[in-house]
Protein backbone atom coordinates (compact mmCIF):
# COMPACT_ATOMS: atom_id res chain seq x y z
CA MET A 1 0.22 0.11 -0.40
CA ILE A 2 2.72 2.42 1.35
CA GLU A 3 4.71 1.33 -2.22
CA ALA A 4 1.78 2.46 -4.09
CA ILE A 5 1.39 5.53 -2.86
CA GLY A 6 5.11 6.59 -3.84
CA TYR A 7 4.54 5.09 -7.07
CA SER A 8 1.39 7.32 -7.49
CA GLY A 9 3.36 10.31 -6.58
CA CYS A 10 5.71 9.49 -9.05
CA LEU A 11 3.50 8.97 -11.85
CA GLY A 12 1.77 12.16 -11.45
CA ALA A 13 5.19 14.03 -11.46
CA LEU A 14 6.01 12.49 -14.52
CA LEU A 15 2.96 13.06 -16.04
CA ALA A 16 2.97 16.59 -14.67
CA VAL A 17 6.75 17.29 -16.34
CA ALA A 18 5.47 15.34 -19.49
CA ALA A 19 2.77 18.13 -19.82
CA LYS A 20 4.93 20.92 -18.77
CA VAL A 21 7.49 20.33 -20.94
CA GLU A 22 4.86 19.66 -23.84
CA SER A 23 2.88 22.56 -23.32
CA ARG A 24 6.19 24.44 -24.06
CA ARG A 25 7.22 23.28 -27.46
CA PRO A 26 9.51 23.52 -29.38
CA THR A 27 11.90 25.45 -26.74
CA PRO A 28 10.81 25.26 -23.26
CA PRO A 29 12.69 28.26 -20.98
CA PRO A 30 16.13 26.98 -19.10
CA GLY A 31 14.33 27.57 -16.01
CA ILE A 32 11.21 24.86 -16.70
CA ARG A 33 13.95 22.37 -17.97
CA TYR A 34 15.94 22.64 -14.72
CA LEU A 35 12.81 22.22 -12.79
CA CYS A 36 11.79 19.02 -15.21
CA LEU A 37 15.26 17.49 -15.15
CA PHE A 38 15.09 17.83 -11.20
CA ILE A 39 11.49 16.30 -10.63
CA GLY A 40 12.02 13.39 -13.66
CA CYS A 41 15.80 12.52 -11.84
CA LEU A 42 13.89 12.56 -8.19
CA THR A 43 11.07 10.33 -9.37
CA ALA A 44 13.04 8.10 -11.07
CA GLY A 45 15.77 7.90 -8.27
CA MET A 46 12.65 7.14 -5.84
CA THR A 47 11.35 4.49 -7.70
CA LEU A 48 14.45 2.66 -8.04
CA LEU A 49 14.16 3.05 -4.33
CA ALA A 50 11.02 1.68 -3.77
CA VAL A 51 11.15 -1.40 -5.71
CA ARG A 52 13.85 -2.97 -3.67
CA GLY A 53 16.06 -4.04 -5.95
CA GLY A 54 18.95 -4.96 -4.35
CA ASN A 55 22.56 -2.81 -3.52
CA THR A 56 22.75 -1.47 -7.22
CA ALA A 57 19.42 -0.18 -7.31
CA GLY A 58 19.82 1.52 -4.11
CA LEU A 59 22.99 3.05 -5.24
CA LEU A 60 21.41 4.28 -8.57
CA GLY A 61 18.63 5.57 -6.48
CA ASP A 62 20.49 7.63 -3.98
CA GLU A 63 22.95 8.96 -7.09
CA LEU A 64 20.13 10.20 -8.92
CA LYS A 65 18.28 11.91 -5.75
CA LEU A 66 21.69 13.30 -5.33
CA ALA A 67 21.71 14.40 -8.97
CA SER A 68 18.29 15.84 -9.01
CA LEU A 69 19.70 18.61 -6.46
CA ALA A 70 21.84 20.64 -9.38
CA PHE A 71 18.74 20.73 -11.44
CA LEU A 72 17.11 22.25 -8.37
CA VAL A 73 19.59 24.78 -7.98
CA LEU A 74 20.14 25.59 -11.28
CA PHE A 75 16.31 26.39 -11.34
CA ALA A 76 16.59 28.46 -8.24
CA ARG A 77 19.58 30.47 -9.98
CA SER A 78 17.52 30.65 -13.46
CA LEU A 79 14.81 33.01 -11.97
CA SER A 80 17.46 35.64 -12.10
CA PRO A 81 18.20 37.98 -14.87
CA GLY A 82 21.49 36.63 -16.80
CA GLU A 83 21.39 33.46 -14.42
CA PRO A 84 22.66 30.70 -14.12
CA THR A 85 25.56 31.62 -16.75
CA ARG A 86 27.56 28.68 -18.60
CA ARG A 87 30.24 28.66 -16.29
CA GLN A 88 27.73 28.21 -13.12
CA VAL A 89 25.95 25.55 -15.29
CA ARG A 90 29.35 23.73 -15.72
CA CYS A 91 30.66 24.45 -12.12
CA ALA A 92 27.24 23.01 -10.60
CA LEU A 93 27.37 19.70 -12.98
CA LEU A 94 31.22 19.16 -12.08
CA VAL A 95 30.88 19.53 -8.30
CA THR A 96 27.75 17.28 -8.85
CA GLY A 97 29.32 14.62 -10.83
CA GLU A 98 32.83 14.42 -8.03
CA MET A 99 30.14 14.05 -5.51
CA LEU A 100 28.64 11.04 -7.32
CA ALA A 101 31.73 9.39 -8.05
CA VAL A 102 33.04 9.31 -4.55
CA ASN A 103 29.84 8.11 -3.26
CA ALA A 104 30.14 5.37 -5.76
CA VAL A 105 33.61 4.83 -4.29
CA LEU A 106 32.62 4.71 -0.76
CA PHE A 107 29.89 2.53 -1.61
CA ALA A 108 31.90 0.09 -3.06
CA ALA A 109 34.73 0.64 -0.48
CA ALA A 110 31.89 -0.30 1.96
CA ASP A 111 31.81 -3.81 0.41
CA ALA A 112 27.89 -3.85 1.48
CA ARG A 113 25.97 -6.85 0.77
CA GLU A 114 22.12 -7.57 0.65
CA VAL A 115 20.84 -9.83 3.37
CA ASP A 116 16.63 -10.33 3.67
CA GLY A 117 16.09 -6.68 2.30
CA ASN A 118 18.92 -5.09 4.67
CA THR A 119 22.17 -3.67 3.31
CA VAL A 120 24.56 -5.25 5.54
CA VAL A 121 28.43 -4.14 6.06
CA ASN A 122 31.20 -5.46 8.57
CA GLY A 123 33.27 -4.03 10.92
CA SER A 124 35.74 -2.08 8.50
CA GLY A 125 32.57 -1.34 6.19
CA VAL A 126 30.76 0.82 8.71
CA LEU A 127 32.92 4.13 8.26
CA PRO A 128 32.72 4.42 4.12
CA LEU A 129 28.89 3.85 4.54
CA LEU A 130 28.41 6.47 7.13
CA ILE A 131 30.45 9.08 4.94
CA TYR A 132 28.31 8.06 2.38
CA TYR A 133 25.16 8.63 4.35
CA VAL A 134 26.86 12.02 5.56
CA ILE A 135 27.92 13.88 2.23
CA TYR A 136 24.32 12.78 1.13
CA THR A 137 22.76 14.22 3.82
CA LEU A 138 24.59 17.62 4.01
CA ALA A 139 24.75 18.36 0.02
CA ALA A 140 20.75 17.39 0.12
CA THR A 141 20.27 19.67 3.17
CA SER A 142 22.75 22.47 1.83
CA ALA A 143 21.02 22.73 -1.81
CA LEU A 144 17.20 22.36 -0.60
CA SER A 145 17.93 25.14 2.24
CA LEU A 146 19.51 27.35 -0.68
CA PHE A 147 16.95 26.90 -3.11
CA ILE A 148 13.89 27.71 -0.22
CA VAL A 149 16.09 30.93 0.13
CA LEU A 150 16.32 31.83 -3.34
CA ILE A 151 12.62 30.64 -4.47
CA ARG A 152 11.03 32.41 -1.12
CA ARG A 153 13.05 36.02 -2.06
CA TYR A 154 11.64 35.53 -5.75
CA ALA A 155 8.34 34.90 -4.81
CA ARG A 156 7.77 37.90 -2.30
CA ARG A 157 8.71 40.06 -5.43
CA MET A 158 5.59 38.50 -7.52
CA ALA A 159 1.92 39.84 -7.54
CA PRO A 160 -0.62 37.57 -6.34
CA GLY A 161 -1.58 35.01 -8.91
CA SER A 162 -1.17 31.78 -10.31
CA LEU A 163 3.08 32.09 -10.76
CA ARG A 164 3.28 33.04 -6.95
CA ARG A 165 1.11 30.39 -6.01
CA GLY A 166 3.00 27.84 -7.95
CA LEU A 167 6.34 28.66 -6.36
CA GLN A 168 4.42 28.21 -2.81
CA LEU A 169 3.77 25.17 -3.60
CA ILE A 170 7.25 24.49 -4.76
CA ILE A 171 8.90 25.87 -1.45
CA ALA A 172 6.41 23.68 0.05
CA GLY A 173 7.86 20.59 -1.92
CA ALA A 174 11.18 21.69 -0.60
CA SER A 175 10.49 22.16 2.90
CA ALA A 176 9.34 18.01 2.39
CA GLY A 177 12.54 17.59 0.76
CA LEU A 178 14.15 18.56 3.45
CA LEU A 179 11.94 16.34 5.97
CA TRP A 180 12.81 13.52 3.83
CA THR A 181 16.47 14.43 3.75
CA ALA A 182 16.54 14.67 7.29
CA TRP A 183 15.25 11.19 7.54
CA ALA A 184 18.78 9.92 6.35
CA VAL A 185 19.49 10.35 9.89
CA GLU A 186 17.68 7.10 11.15
CA ASP A 187 19.86 5.18 8.41
CA MET A 188 23.20 6.53 10.17
CA TYR A 189 22.14 6.02 13.64
CA SER A 190 20.87 2.09 12.28
CA LEU A 191 24.41 1.51 10.81
CA LEU A 192 26.46 2.56 13.71
CA ALA A 193 24.14 0.57 16.27
CA THR A 194 23.64 -2.62 13.90
CA GLY A 195 25.75 -2.35 10.80
CA ARG A 196 22.68 -2.49 8.54
CA VAL A 197 20.16 -0.37 7.23
CA SER A 198 17.11 -1.12 5.25
CA ALA A 199 17.80 -1.60 1.39
CA ALA A 200 13.84 -0.38 1.16
CA GLU A 201 12.49 3.35 2.25
CA ASP A 202 10.30 2.90 5.41
CA ILE A 203 6.84 4.22 5.42
CA PRO A 204 7.63 7.70 6.45
CA SER A 205 10.61 8.58 3.92
CA VAL A 206 7.97 7.06 1.07
CA LEU A 207 5.26 9.54 2.03
CA LEU A 208 7.68 12.57 2.30
CA GLY A 209 9.46 11.72 -1.24
CA ALA A 210 5.73 11.37 -2.87
CA VAL A 211 4.34 14.94 -0.95
CA ALA A 212 7.76 16.31 -2.02
CA VAL A 213 7.70 15.46 -5.88
CA THR A 214 3.74 15.73 -5.97
CA LEU A 215 4.26 19.20 -4.68
CA ALA A 216 7.09 19.97 -6.96
CA ALA A 217 5.10 19.11 -9.85
CA ALA A 218 1.78 20.62 -8.97
CA GLY A 219 3.86 24.11 -8.11
CA ALA A 220 5.76 23.46 -11.65
CA THR A 221 2.48 22.98 -13.68
CA LEU A 222 -0.05 25.28 -11.80
CA SER A 223 0.13 27.96 -14.78
CA ALA A 224 -1.99 25.31 -16.86
CA TRP A 225 -4.27 23.43 -14.97
CA GLY A 226 -4.90 26.30 -11.99
CA PRO A 227 -7.36 28.19 -14.19
CA ARG A 228 -9.24 25.36 -15.14
CA LEU A 229 -9.58 24.30 -11.13
CA GLY A 230 -10.38 27.78 -10.18
CA ALA A 231 -13.37 27.77 -12.36
CA PRO A 232 -16.05 26.55 -9.97
CA VAL A 233 -14.34 28.69 -7.22
CA ARG A 234 -14.77 31.93 -9.59
CA TRP A 235 -18.05 30.59 -10.12
CA LEU A 236 -19.76 30.10 -6.43
CA ARG A 237 -17.73 33.53 -5.63
CA ALA A 238 -19.40 35.58 -8.46
CA TYR A 239 -22.50 33.92 -7.46
CA LEU A 240 -22.24 34.51 -3.86
CA ARG A 241 -21.56 38.24 -4.42
CA TYR A 242 -24.42 38.71 -7.08
CA ARG A 243 -27.22 37.42 -4.28
CA ARG A 244 -25.41 39.95 -1.83
CA LEU A 245 -26.43 42.65 -4.30
CA GLY A 246 -29.86 41.60 -4.46
CA PRO A 247 -31.47 44.03 -1.31
CA LEU A 248 -29.95 46.98 -2.88
CA TRP A 249 -30.48 45.84 -6.54
CA THR A 250 -34.18 45.05 -5.77
CA MET A 251 -35.03 48.41 -4.15
CA MET A 252 -33.52 50.25 -7.27
CA ARG A 253 -35.33 48.29 -9.71
CA LYS A 254 -38.69 49.18 -7.84
CA ALA A 255 -37.86 52.90 -7.77
CA VAL A 256 -36.58 52.94 -11.47
CA PRO A 257 -37.95 50.09 -13.45
CA GLY A 258 -35.85 51.11 -16.26
CA ILE A 259 -32.53 50.38 -15.47
CA VAL A 260 -33.38 46.91 -16.00
CA LEU A 261 -31.15 45.43 -18.75
CA ASN A 262 -31.46 42.23 -20.88
CA THR A 263 -31.26 38.96 -19.27
CA GLY A 264 -28.53 36.24 -20.15
CA GLY A 265 -25.27 34.72 -20.15
CA GLY A 266 -23.48 33.16 -17.09
CA VAL A 267 -23.26 34.39 -13.57
CA HIS A 268 -20.11 36.59 -13.87
CA LEU A 269 -22.12 38.83 -16.51
CA ALA A 270 -25.18 38.54 -14.62
CA LEU A 271 -23.28 40.10 -11.35
CA TYR A 272 -21.70 42.87 -13.85
CA ARG A 273 -25.11 44.07 -15.16
CA ARG A 274 -26.32 44.13 -11.71
CA ILE A 275 -23.50 46.45 -11.33
CA ILE A 276 -24.30 48.52 -13.89
CA GLU A 277 -28.30 48.70 -13.20
CA ILE A 278 -27.16 50.07 -9.50
CA ARG A 279 -25.33 52.41 -10.89
CA ASP A 280 -27.63 53.34 -13.46
CA GLY A 281 -30.50 53.66 -10.83
CA HIS A 282 -27.74 56.03 -8.96
CA LEU A 283 -27.55 58.54 -12.02
CA ALA A 284 -31.63 58.57 -12.03
CA LEU A 285 -31.80 59.60 -8.58
CA ARG A 286 -28.94 62.01 -8.30
CA GLU A 287 -31.16 64.68 -8.12
CA HIS A 288 -32.93 63.17 -4.76
CA PHE A 289 -29.64 62.92 -2.98
CA ASP A 290 -30.00 65.44 0.13
CA PRO A 291 -26.35 66.84 1.08
CA ALA A 292 -27.84 66.87 4.60
CA VAL A 293 -28.55 63.13 5.17
CA ALA A 294 -24.83 62.03 4.91
CA GLU A 295 -24.05 64.60 7.76
CA ARG A 296 -27.12 63.34 10.26
CA ALA A 297 -26.48 59.51 8.76
CA ALA A 298 -22.69 60.12 10.35
CA TYR A 299 -23.50 61.64 13.09
CA ILE A 300 -26.05 58.56 14.50
CA ALA A 301 -23.31 56.09 13.39
CA ARG A 302 -21.34 57.74 15.48
CA ARG A 303 -23.37 57.75 18.67
CA THR A 304 -24.70 53.99 17.83
CA GLY A 305 -21.31 52.75 18.22
CA ILE A 306 -21.04 50.53 14.61
CA ALA A 307 -17.57 49.96 14.00
CA PRO A 308 -15.61 52.95 12.07
CA ASP A 309 -14.60 50.79 8.61
CA ARG A 310 -18.95 50.28 8.58
CA ILE A 311 -19.43 53.88 8.29
CA PRO A 312 -19.10 54.90 4.80
CA ALA A 313 -21.27 52.09 3.35
CA ALA A 314 -24.05 52.99 6.37
CA ILE A 315 -24.05 56.68 5.22
CA GLU A 316 -24.10 55.57 1.98
CA ALA A 317 -26.95 53.28 2.60
CA ALA A 318 -29.08 55.75 4.60
CA SER A 319 -28.30 58.47 1.63
CA ILE A 320 -29.98 56.05 -1.16
CA VAL A 321 -32.97 55.17 1.16
CA ALA A 322 -33.61 58.59 1.81
CA ALA A 323 -33.35 59.48 -1.79
CA LEU A 324 -35.60 56.84 -2.72
CA ALA A 325 -38.33 58.17 -0.30
CA ALA A 326 -37.79 61.73 -1.81
CA HIS A 327 -38.23 60.57 -5.46
CA ARG A 328 -41.61 58.83 -4.35
CA GLU A 329 -42.40 61.85 -2.78
CA GLY A 330 -41.37 64.35 -5.63
CA ARG A 331 -38.79 65.72 -3.89
CA ARG A 332 -35.69 67.20 -5.45
CA PHE A 333 -32.41 68.52 -3.60
CA GLY A 334 -30.62 70.75 -6.49
CA THR A 335 -29.88 69.34 -9.96
CA ALA A 336 -28.41 66.05 -11.22
CA ALA A 337 -25.04 67.49 -11.68
CA ASP A 338 -24.65 68.44 -8.10
CA TYR A 339 -24.34 64.90 -6.25
CA ARG A 340 -20.83 63.14 -6.10
CA PRO A 341 -20.49 59.22 -5.66
CA PRO A 342 -17.82 58.31 -3.74
CA GLY A 343 -14.54 57.66 -5.36
CA LEU A 344 -13.68 54.41 -6.21
CA ALA A 345 -10.92 52.57 -8.20
CA PRO A 346 -12.11 51.70 -11.45
CA THR A 347 -12.30 47.78 -11.28
CA ILE A 348 -15.19 45.62 -10.95
CA ALA A 349 -13.91 43.95 -7.65
CA ALA A 350 -13.71 47.16 -6.06
CA GLU A 351 -17.28 48.43 -7.42
CA THR A 352 -18.68 44.83 -6.21
CA ALA A 353 -17.00 45.28 -2.54
CA TRP A 354 -18.86 48.76 -2.26
CA LEU A 355 -21.87 48.13 -3.02
CA THR A 356 -22.09 44.91 -1.24
CA ALA A 357 -20.93 46.70 2.08
CA VAL A 358 -23.83 49.30 0.81
CA SER A 359 -26.34 46.45 0.46
CA ARG A 360 -25.28 45.18 3.89
CA GLU A 361 -25.97 48.25 5.69
CA LEU A 362 -29.50 48.27 4.56
CA ARG A 363 -30.06 46.43 7.54
CA TRP A 364 -28.71 49.13 10.18
CA PRO A 365 -31.68 50.43 11.61
CA GLY A 366 -30.26 54.14 11.23
CA THR A 367 -30.42 54.01 7.49
CA TYR A 368 -34.33 54.30 7.92
CA ARG A 369 -34.54 57.32 10.38
CA LEU A 370 -33.40 60.30 7.99
CA GLN A 371 -36.07 59.61 5.07
């Protein structure tokens, strides 16, 4: 069961890598290539360790995991303009190659053999194998820590959106990778205590590896699948906003029926249309707005102790209710040009937030004391 979870994570990562490379044809950016190589190497190494293929498979699995770290650091470097340079790439690959060679020599010097699913060494082989694990753990910890620092620094400069969320997922995957790497300490303890290490990944290691690979793949491909996954959430958010504008829109429609536009379209268009209709109602009522109402509403709001951030919307709600009453009674206060609507950012989000707050304040008792 645990191996199946690990394989599922590996398969999902490989599919994500393939989809990302396919979407970037014919020439994916270097950063994407480095990230795909990292996920590919890490997935292959995790698979070899999970299948229990003996000491050779265990060595190849560890080597692939170690090699993946070079591509991880190169990916982090690629986020800065002009980096990594060819010299940095060659240096990273050279250092990684040297570590792989040293680890292979140490593993051979340990003269490890597999016994009942365990890697067993005699007394003279303990030290080389211990150094092997220390090199791997220190290299992986250093690379992942550097990666997290670089990516976090870059993510902080990004505007909110799918790219920033993708980087945050990648950071979460790297953090899980740190825990996965730290689990090697358990192997070192077992080696010193008994002279043997389990040749297969144990339960926590497989789970942490699957989480690390899956989060990294999800972050790398978020720009491709994120918008599709977020469509239901956006629909529900637009629907709830549409409903919250209902009380204010209903009052406007009853007073000025001509503001209603043609129906049709989805919920996003319906929300946009409702905002326009409310604003058209404002325009139709603007000569009925009494400037004195705003001053009295502010005074009542402060006296009744409502929250300060609610006062502007409460004043607007009271002004609208008083204007509707004046419209019914035929009272006018100046000309249409005298009314000045509250200043808002020219965006749907700003209009929706403001009108929703005003609609909510229609429940405030003070709203109806100034008609």
